[in-house]
Amino acid sequence: MLVESPPEQRAESAPAPPNRRAIRVLGLLVSVVILVLVALASIAVGAKELSLEQVWHGLFDASGTYGDVVVADRVSRTVLGLLAGAALGLAGAVLQALTRNPLADPGLLGINAGASAAVVTAITFFGVTSLSGYVWFAFFGAAAVGALVWFLGGSRGATPVRLALAGTAISAALYGYLQAIMILDDAALGRMRFWTVGSLASGSDSTIEQVVPFLLAGSLLALALARPLNAMAMGDDTAKALGAHLNRTRALSMLAATVLSGAATAACGPIMFVGLMVPHVVRSFTGPDQRWILPYAAVLSPVLLLGADVLGRIVARPAELQVGIVTAILGGPVFIFLVRRRRTAQL
């Protein structure tokens, strides 16, 4: 049960003025329209040139022609990009709120490193070579590391600083393990070389079916945590006074971020900057309210991911540049600019 908060605390948590709320709603609708346009571009544009007539035929009157097969492949790729982008954006926003660190992302807590280490282990020691095989290793590796970070971070007494330190330490150890395995095993190096850059090329009905239950569950949990995370942003003492359950909120936040980033990484490989940069951009015009940051991040992160994927298919025709490379090239300079802006860099 919530307790009565002082006037200054009530002012901080008061609903936004009607005009500001209307602007936020309008902005979210515009973001959805942009996402639809980018998704259509992802289907229509690619390394293989297709006419609009071929794209239309592949979408609504497919008969098994070459163009239809290409369109079907792009549709699966686009759906995976939508799901993975939303997952990475939500995971990044939740982790930034949880750790009160504007630089937080799934890599900070070792989740990406856990997934990568599990895939290397599967390839090297268990002979797994297909995505359908190592997607489960990647997911459970991420989940195991998330649980270990929570335990080492103090479990019921976990704090943002302890979680970040535990994640950094585990990441360093796991990446050392990765390098050792890949140096000693040429086969593992060859297979991991493509997975570690991050790509949507693995998009298929089978891949989507395997990861979509985890992505949907993690998304719903993340969105449900908006209010408790808002309370925690005011500090532990204030959050307790407002009736927030700190340990439960931290545990559920870790669970949501682990499920989201673990499933996305398992399907696409580690893709950097999406979960790091998009919440920054969103926060600059929504303010610190997680009830708006999370939905905006879920919509705009796929815009960035799919846009980068389309760009990678265009600039390297007839080949393609992997989306993880494009997001790194685009995200690095933009992120440096953002963190230098004092208002945006602060939570």
Protein backbone atom coordinates (compact mmCIF):
# COMPACT_ATOMS: atom_id res chain seq x y z
CA MET A 1 0.00 0.00 0.00
CA LEU A 2 1.38 3.42 -0.90
CA VAL A 3 1.94 5.90 1.90
CA GLU A 4 1.20 9.59 1.62
CA SER A 5 4.22 11.36 0.18
CA PRO A 6 5.36 14.92 0.94
CA PRO A 7 4.18 17.69 -1.41
CA GLU A 8 7.52 17.90 -3.21
CA GLN A 9 7.51 14.16 -3.91
CA ARG A 10 3.91 14.30 -5.13
CA ALA A 11 4.92 17.10 -7.48
CA GLU A 12 7.67 14.97 -8.98
CA SER A 13 5.34 12.03 -9.58
CA ALA A 14 2.32 14.09 -10.68
CA PRO A 15 0.84 13.36 -14.09
CA ALA A 16 2.13 15.44 -16.97
CA PRO A 17 0.05 18.50 -17.95
CA PRO A 18 -2.62 17.69 -20.56
CA ASN A 19 -0.80 19.54 -23.36
CA ARG A 20 2.48 17.75 -22.64
CA ARG A 21 0.70 14.40 -22.43
CA ALA A 22 -0.97 15.08 -25.77
CA ILE A 23 2.40 15.88 -27.32
CA ARG A 24 3.83 12.63 -25.98
CA VAL A 25 0.89 10.63 -27.35
CA LEU A 26 1.20 12.36 -30.72
CA GLY A 27 4.95 11.70 -30.73
CA LEU A 28 4.37 8.02 -30.01
CA LEU A 29 1.86 7.78 -32.87
CA VAL A 30 4.32 9.48 -35.23
CA SER A 31 7.00 7.03 -34.07
CA VAL A 32 4.71 4.11 -34.91
CA VAL A 33 4.12 5.54 -38.40
CA ILE A 34 7.88 5.90 -38.89
CA LEU A 35 8.36 2.31 -37.75
CA VAL A 36 5.78 1.08 -40.28
CA LEU A 37 7.51 2.99 -43.09
CA VAL A 38 10.94 1.64 -42.13
CA ALA A 39 9.53 -1.90 -41.94
CA LEU A 40 8.07 -1.53 -45.44
CA ALA A 41 11.44 -0.24 -46.65
CA SER A 42 13.09 -3.28 -45.08
CA ILE A 43 10.84 -5.52 -47.17
CA ALA A 44 11.09 -3.52 -50.41
CA VAL A 45 14.79 -2.61 -50.40
CA GLY A 46 17.73 -4.96 -50.24
CA ALA A 47 20.91 -6.26 -51.81
CA LYS A 48 18.78 -7.94 -54.51
CA GLU A 49 16.81 -5.35 -56.48
CA LEU A 50 13.10 -6.03 -56.83
CA SER A 51 10.40 -3.93 -58.45
CA LEU A 52 7.42 -2.75 -56.42
CA GLU A 53 5.28 -5.09 -58.49
CA GLN A 54 7.45 -8.05 -57.44
CA VAL A 55 7.27 -6.97 -53.79
CA TRP A 56 3.47 -6.66 -54.00
CA HIS A 57 3.21 -10.05 -55.66
CA GLY A 58 5.41 -11.64 -52.99
CA LEU A 59 3.32 -10.16 -50.18
CA PHE A 60 -0.20 -10.77 -51.44
CA ASP A 61 -0.08 -13.26 -54.34
CA ALA A 62 2.98 -15.44 -53.80
CA SER A 63 3.38 -18.35 -56.20
CA GLY A 64 6.91 -19.52 -55.46
CA THR A 65 8.83 -17.35 -57.92
CA TYR A 66 12.34 -16.10 -57.17
CA GLY A 67 10.99 -12.70 -56.19
CA ASP A 68 8.44 -14.29 -53.87
CA VAL A 69 11.17 -16.23 -52.09
CA VAL A 70 13.25 -13.07 -51.62
CA VAL A 71 10.24 -11.15 -50.28
CA ALA A 72 9.39 -13.97 -47.84
CA ASP A 73 12.97 -13.95 -46.59
CA ARG A 74 12.85 -10.18 -46.10
CA VAL A 75 9.54 -10.41 -44.23
CA SER A 76 11.04 -12.90 -41.74
CA ARG A 77 14.13 -10.72 -41.44
CA THR A 78 11.99 -7.63 -40.81
CA VAL A 79 9.87 -9.37 -38.17
CA LEU A 80 13.02 -10.50 -36.37
CA GLY A 81 14.37 -6.94 -36.55
CA LEU A 82 11.14 -5.58 -35.05
CA LEU A 83 11.22 -8.06 -32.19
CA ALA A 84 14.95 -7.85 -31.48
CA GLY A 85 15.01 -4.05 -31.74
CA ALA A 86 12.14 -3.64 -29.30
CA ALA A 87 13.77 -6.14 -26.92
CA LEU A 88 17.15 -4.38 -26.97
CA GLY A 89 15.56 -0.97 -26.48
CA LEU A 90 13.46 -2.12 -23.53
CA ALA A 91 16.40 -3.97 -21.96
CA GLY A 92 18.63 -0.91 -22.25
CA ALA A 93 15.99 1.41 -20.77
CA VAL A 94 15.31 -0.95 -17.86
CA LEU A 95 19.02 -1.40 -17.08
CA GLN A 96 19.68 2.34 -17.20
CA ALA A 97 16.84 2.92 -14.76
CA LEU A 98 17.88 0.00 -12.54
CA THR A 99 21.55 0.98 -12.27
CA ARG A 100 20.92 4.74 -12.50
CA ASN A 101 23.68 4.70 -15.06
CA PRO A 102 23.06 6.37 -18.46
CA LEU A 103 25.79 4.18 -19.97
CA ALA A 104 24.13 0.91 -18.95
CA ASP A 105 23.21 -1.69 -21.53
CA PRO A 106 23.07 -5.50 -21.63
CA GLY A 107 26.86 -5.57 -22.00
CA LEU A 108 27.35 -3.79 -18.67
CA LEU A 109 25.84 -6.65 -16.67
CA GLY A 110 27.61 -9.36 -18.66
CA ILE A 111 24.50 -10.65 -20.43
CA ASN A 112 25.99 -10.40 -23.92
CA ALA A 113 29.20 -12.02 -22.70
CA GLY A 114 27.23 -14.88 -21.16
CA ALA A 115 25.39 -15.55 -24.42
CA SER A 116 28.60 -15.39 -26.46
CA ALA A 117 30.48 -17.71 -24.10
CA ALA A 118 27.65 -20.23 -24.20
CA VAL A 119 27.64 -20.25 -28.02
CA VAL A 120 31.41 -20.77 -28.16
CA THR A 121 31.08 -23.63 -25.69
CA ALA A 122 28.30 -25.21 -27.75
CA ILE A 123 30.33 -24.98 -30.97
CA THR A 124 33.64 -26.12 -29.51
CA PHE A 125 32.67 -28.84 -27.05
CA PHE A 126 29.25 -30.06 -28.22
CA GLY A 127 29.62 -29.78 -31.99
CA VAL A 128 26.56 -27.56 -32.38
CA THR A 129 26.62 -25.79 -35.74
CA SER A 130 23.06 -24.59 -36.44
CA LEU A 131 21.21 -21.61 -35.07
CA SER A 132 18.37 -23.81 -33.88
CA GLY A 133 20.91 -25.62 -31.74
CA TYR A 134 22.93 -22.84 -30.19
CA VAL A 135 20.08 -20.34 -29.78
CA TRP A 136 19.19 -22.19 -26.58
CA PHE A 137 22.79 -22.19 -25.37
CA ALA A 138 22.95 -18.44 -25.94
CA PHE A 139 19.73 -17.78 -24.10
CA PHE A 140 20.54 -19.90 -21.07
CA GLY A 141 24.09 -18.52 -20.98
CA ALA A 142 22.66 -15.04 -20.72
CA ALA A 143 20.19 -16.16 -18.06
CA ALA A 144 22.91 -17.88 -16.02
CA VAL A 145 25.12 -14.80 -16.06
CA GLY A 146 22.17 -12.57 -15.15
CA ALA A 147 21.45 -14.77 -12.13
CA LEU A 148 25.14 -14.83 -11.17
CA VAL A 149 25.39 -11.04 -11.38
CA TRP A 150 22.32 -10.76 -9.18
CA PHE A 151 23.84 -13.16 -6.63
CA LEU A 152 27.28 -11.51 -6.60
CA GLY A 153 25.72 -8.06 -6.55
CA GLY A 154 24.26 -8.80 -3.16
CA SER A 155 20.99 -10.55 -4.02
CA ARG A 156 18.46 -9.08 -1.59
CA GLY A 157 20.88 -6.30 -0.73
CA ALA A 158 21.82 -5.55 -4.33
CA THR A 159 22.63 -1.96 -5.24
CA PRO A 160 23.21 -0.35 -8.66
CA VAL A 161 26.95 -0.06 -8.01
CA ARG A 162 27.31 -3.70 -6.90
CA LEU A 163 25.38 -4.96 -9.93
CA ALA A 164 27.51 -2.91 -12.33
CA LEU A 165 30.78 -4.04 -10.71
CA ALA A 166 29.71 -7.69 -10.70
CA GLY A 167 28.68 -7.48 -14.34
CA THR A 168 31.93 -5.84 -15.39
CA ALA A 169 34.04 -8.43 -13.58
CA ILE A 170 32.12 -11.37 -15.06
CA SER A 171 32.27 -9.84 -18.55
CA ALA A 172 36.04 -9.51 -18.35
CA ALA A 173 36.43 -13.14 -17.29
CA LEU A 174 34.08 -14.46 -19.98
CA TYR A 175 35.65 -12.46 -22.79
CA GLY A 176 39.03 -13.83 -21.72
CA TYR A 177 37.54 -17.32 -22.01
CA LEU A 178 36.14 -16.45 -25.44
CA GLN A 179 39.47 -15.27 -26.76
CA ALA A 180 41.29 -18.33 -25.44
CA ILE A 181 38.83 -20.75 -27.05
CA MET A 182 38.76 -18.98 -30.40
CA ILE A 183 42.55 -18.79 -30.58
CA LEU A 184 42.92 -22.49 -29.80
CA ASP A 185 40.05 -23.70 -32.01
CA ASP A 186 40.04 -22.52 -35.64
CA ALA A 187 36.59 -24.00 -36.27
CA ALA A 188 35.08 -22.04 -33.40
CA LEU A 189 36.79 -18.88 -34.65
CA GLY A 190 35.39 -19.35 -38.15
CA ARG A 191 31.81 -19.87 -36.98
CA MET A 192 31.88 -17.20 -34.29
CA ARG A 193 33.33 -14.60 -36.66
CA PHE A 194 29.93 -14.13 -38.30
CA TRP A 195 27.76 -14.52 -35.20
CA THR A 196 29.63 -11.99 -33.06
CA VAL A 197 29.16 -9.06 -35.46
CA GLY A 198 25.36 -9.21 -35.11
CA SER A 199 23.05 -9.88 -38.05
CA LEU A 200 19.39 -10.21 -38.97
CA ALA A 201 20.23 -12.61 -41.81
CA SER A 202 19.30 -15.53 -39.56
CA GLY A 203 15.70 -14.36 -39.61
CA SER A 204 13.41 -17.30 -40.33
CA ASP A 205 10.09 -18.63 -39.14
CA SER A 206 11.93 -21.20 -37.01
CA THR A 207 14.12 -18.59 -35.32
CA ILE A 208 11.18 -16.31 -34.62
CA GLU A 209 9.09 -19.13 -33.18
CA GLN A 210 11.90 -20.06 -30.79
CA VAL A 211 12.50 -16.61 -29.36
CA VAL A 212 9.13 -14.83 -29.59
CA PRO A 213 7.67 -16.30 -26.35
CA PHE A 214 10.66 -15.01 -24.37
CA LEU A 215 10.60 -11.61 -26.09
CA LEU A 216 6.88 -11.12 -25.45
CA ALA A 217 7.13 -12.21 -21.81
CA GLY A 218 10.15 -9.98 -21.19
CA SER A 219 8.47 -7.01 -22.90
CA LEU A 220 5.31 -7.29 -20.80
CA LEU A 221 7.36 -7.56 -17.61
CA ALA A 222 9.51 -4.56 -18.53
CA LEU A 223 6.48 -2.37 -19.28
CA ALA A 224 4.86 -3.42 -15.99
CA LEU A 225 7.92 -2.19 -14.08
CA ALA A 226 7.57 1.44 -15.22
CA ARG A 227 6.02 2.78 -12.01
CA PRO A 228 8.34 0.94 -9.56
CA LEU A 229 11.36 2.13 -11.57
CA ASN A 230 10.05 5.69 -11.40
CA ALA A 231 9.92 5.39 -7.63
CA MET A 232 13.46 3.96 -7.44
CA ALA A 233 14.77 6.87 -9.49
CA MET A 234 14.06 9.15 -6.50
CA GLY A 235 16.47 7.18 -4.30
CA ASP A 236 16.08 4.14 -2.09
CA ASP A 237 14.72 5.98 0.94
CA THR A 238 12.11 7.88 -1.04
CA ALA A 239 11.16 4.75 -2.96
CA LYS A 240 10.60 2.87 0.32
CA ALA A 241 8.50 5.74 1.62
CA LEU A 242 6.37 5.53 -1.53
CA GLY A 243 5.80 1.83 -0.88
CA ALA A 244 8.12 0.43 -3.55
CA HIS A 245 9.63 -3.03 -2.97
CA LEU A 246 13.26 -2.39 -3.89
CA ASN A 247 14.60 -5.95 -3.96
CA ARG A 248 11.61 -7.28 -5.84
CA THR A 249 11.82 -4.48 -8.39
CA ARG A 250 15.55 -5.05 -8.90
CA ALA A 251 15.12 -8.80 -9.24
CA LEU A 252 12.28 -8.44 -11.75
CA SER A 253 14.21 -5.77 -13.67
CA MET A 254 17.21 -8.07 -13.92
CA LEU A 255 14.92 -10.89 -15.06
CA ALA A 256 13.25 -8.74 -17.72
CA ALA A 257 16.55 -7.40 -19.08
CA THR A 258 18.10 -10.86 -19.10
CA VAL A 259 15.19 -12.48 -20.93
CA LEU A 260 14.97 -9.66 -23.49
CA SER A 261 18.65 -9.23 -24.28
CA GLY A 262 19.39 -12.95 -23.97
CA ALA A 263 16.74 -13.92 -26.51
CA ALA A 264 17.67 -11.08 -28.89
CA THR A 265 21.37 -11.92 -28.66
CA ALA A 266 20.66 -15.60 -29.18
CA ALA A 267 18.78 -14.87 -32.40
CA CYS A 268 20.90 -12.08 -33.87
CA GLY A 269 24.23 -12.09 -32.07
CA PRO A 270 25.42 -9.19 -29.89
CA ILE A 271 24.28 -5.89 -31.45
CA MET A 272 25.76 -2.83 -29.79
CA PHE A 273 24.45 0.70 -29.23
CA VAL A 274 20.74 0.04 -29.88
CA GLY A 275 19.86 -0.50 -26.22
CA LEU A 276 22.41 2.12 -25.20
CA MET A 277 21.62 5.00 -27.53
CA VAL A 278 17.87 4.91 -28.13
CA PRO A 279 16.84 5.42 -24.47
CA HIS A 280 19.14 8.46 -24.43
CA VAL A 281 17.37 9.98 -27.41
CA VAL A 282 13.96 9.12 -25.98
CA ARG A 283 14.75 10.58 -22.56
CA SER A 284 15.68 13.91 -24.14
CA PHE A 285 12.06 14.61 -25.14
CA THR A 286 9.99 12.44 -22.77
CA GLY A 287 11.78 13.31 -19.56
CA PRO A 288 12.65 10.69 -16.90
CA ASP A 289 9.21 9.05 -16.71
CA GLN A 290 9.61 5.34 -17.47
CA ARG A 291 5.93 5.10 -18.40
CA TRP A 292 6.88 6.98 -21.57
CA ILE A 293 10.52 6.00 -22.00
CA LEU A 294 9.75 2.27 -22.24
CA PRO A 295 7.02 2.46 -24.94
CA TYR A 296 9.04 4.97 -26.96
CA ALA A 297 12.16 2.79 -26.71
CA ALA A 298 10.16 -0.26 -27.81
CA VAL A 299 9.01 1.59 -30.95
CA LEU A 300 12.11 3.59 -31.91
CA SER A 301 14.74 0.90 -31.29
CA PRO A 302 13.42 -1.24 -34.18
CA VAL A 303 13.49 1.91 -36.34
CA LEU A 304 17.23 2.20 -35.70
CA LEU A 305 17.89 -1.53 -36.10
CA LEU A 306 15.88 -1.98 -39.31
CA GLY A 307 17.17 1.29 -40.75
CA ALA A 308 20.75 0.18 -40.13
CA ASP A 309 19.99 -3.20 -41.71
CA VAL A 310 18.55 -1.57 -44.85
CA LEU A 311 21.54 0.74 -45.08
CA GLY A 312 23.93 -2.21 -44.78
CA ARG A 313 22.16 -3.97 -47.65
CA ILE A 314 22.36 -0.91 -49.89
CA VAL A 315 25.92 0.34 -49.39
CA ALA A 316 27.59 -3.03 -50.04
CA ARG A 317 25.52 -4.29 -52.99
CA PRO A 318 25.50 -7.01 -54.23
CA ALA A 319 26.83 -8.19 -50.85
CA GLU A 320 25.70 -6.72 -47.53
CA LEU A 321 27.19 -5.14 -44.43
CA GLN A 322 26.05 -6.81 -41.20
CA VAL A 323 23.71 -4.72 -39.08
CA GLY A 324 25.98 -4.96 -36.02
CA ILE A 325 28.74 -3.20 -37.97
CA VAL A 326 26.39 -0.48 -39.21
CA THR A 327 24.98 0.25 -35.73
CA ALA A 328 28.54 0.51 -34.38
CA ILE A 329 29.58 2.92 -37.15
CA LEU A 330 26.47 5.05 -36.73
CA GLY A 331 26.10 4.72 -32.99
CA GLY A 332 29.63 5.59 -31.90
CA PRO A 333 29.76 9.22 -33.05
CA VAL A 334 26.11 9.88 -32.22
CA PHE A 335 26.50 8.46 -28.73
CA ILE A 336 29.62 10.55 -28.08
CA PHE A 337 27.62 13.61 -29.08
CA LEU A 338 24.75 12.64 -26.80
CA VAL A 339 26.83 11.98 -23.68
CA ARG A 340 28.53 15.35 -24.12
CA ARG A 341 25.17 17.03 -23.78
CA ARG A 342 24.70 17.44 -20.06
CA ARG A 343 20.90 17.34 -20.08
CA THR A 344 20.73 14.14 -22.10
CA ALA A 345 23.56 12.31 -20.36
CA GLN A 346 21.90 12.54 -16.96
CA LEU A 347 19.11 10.27 -15.76
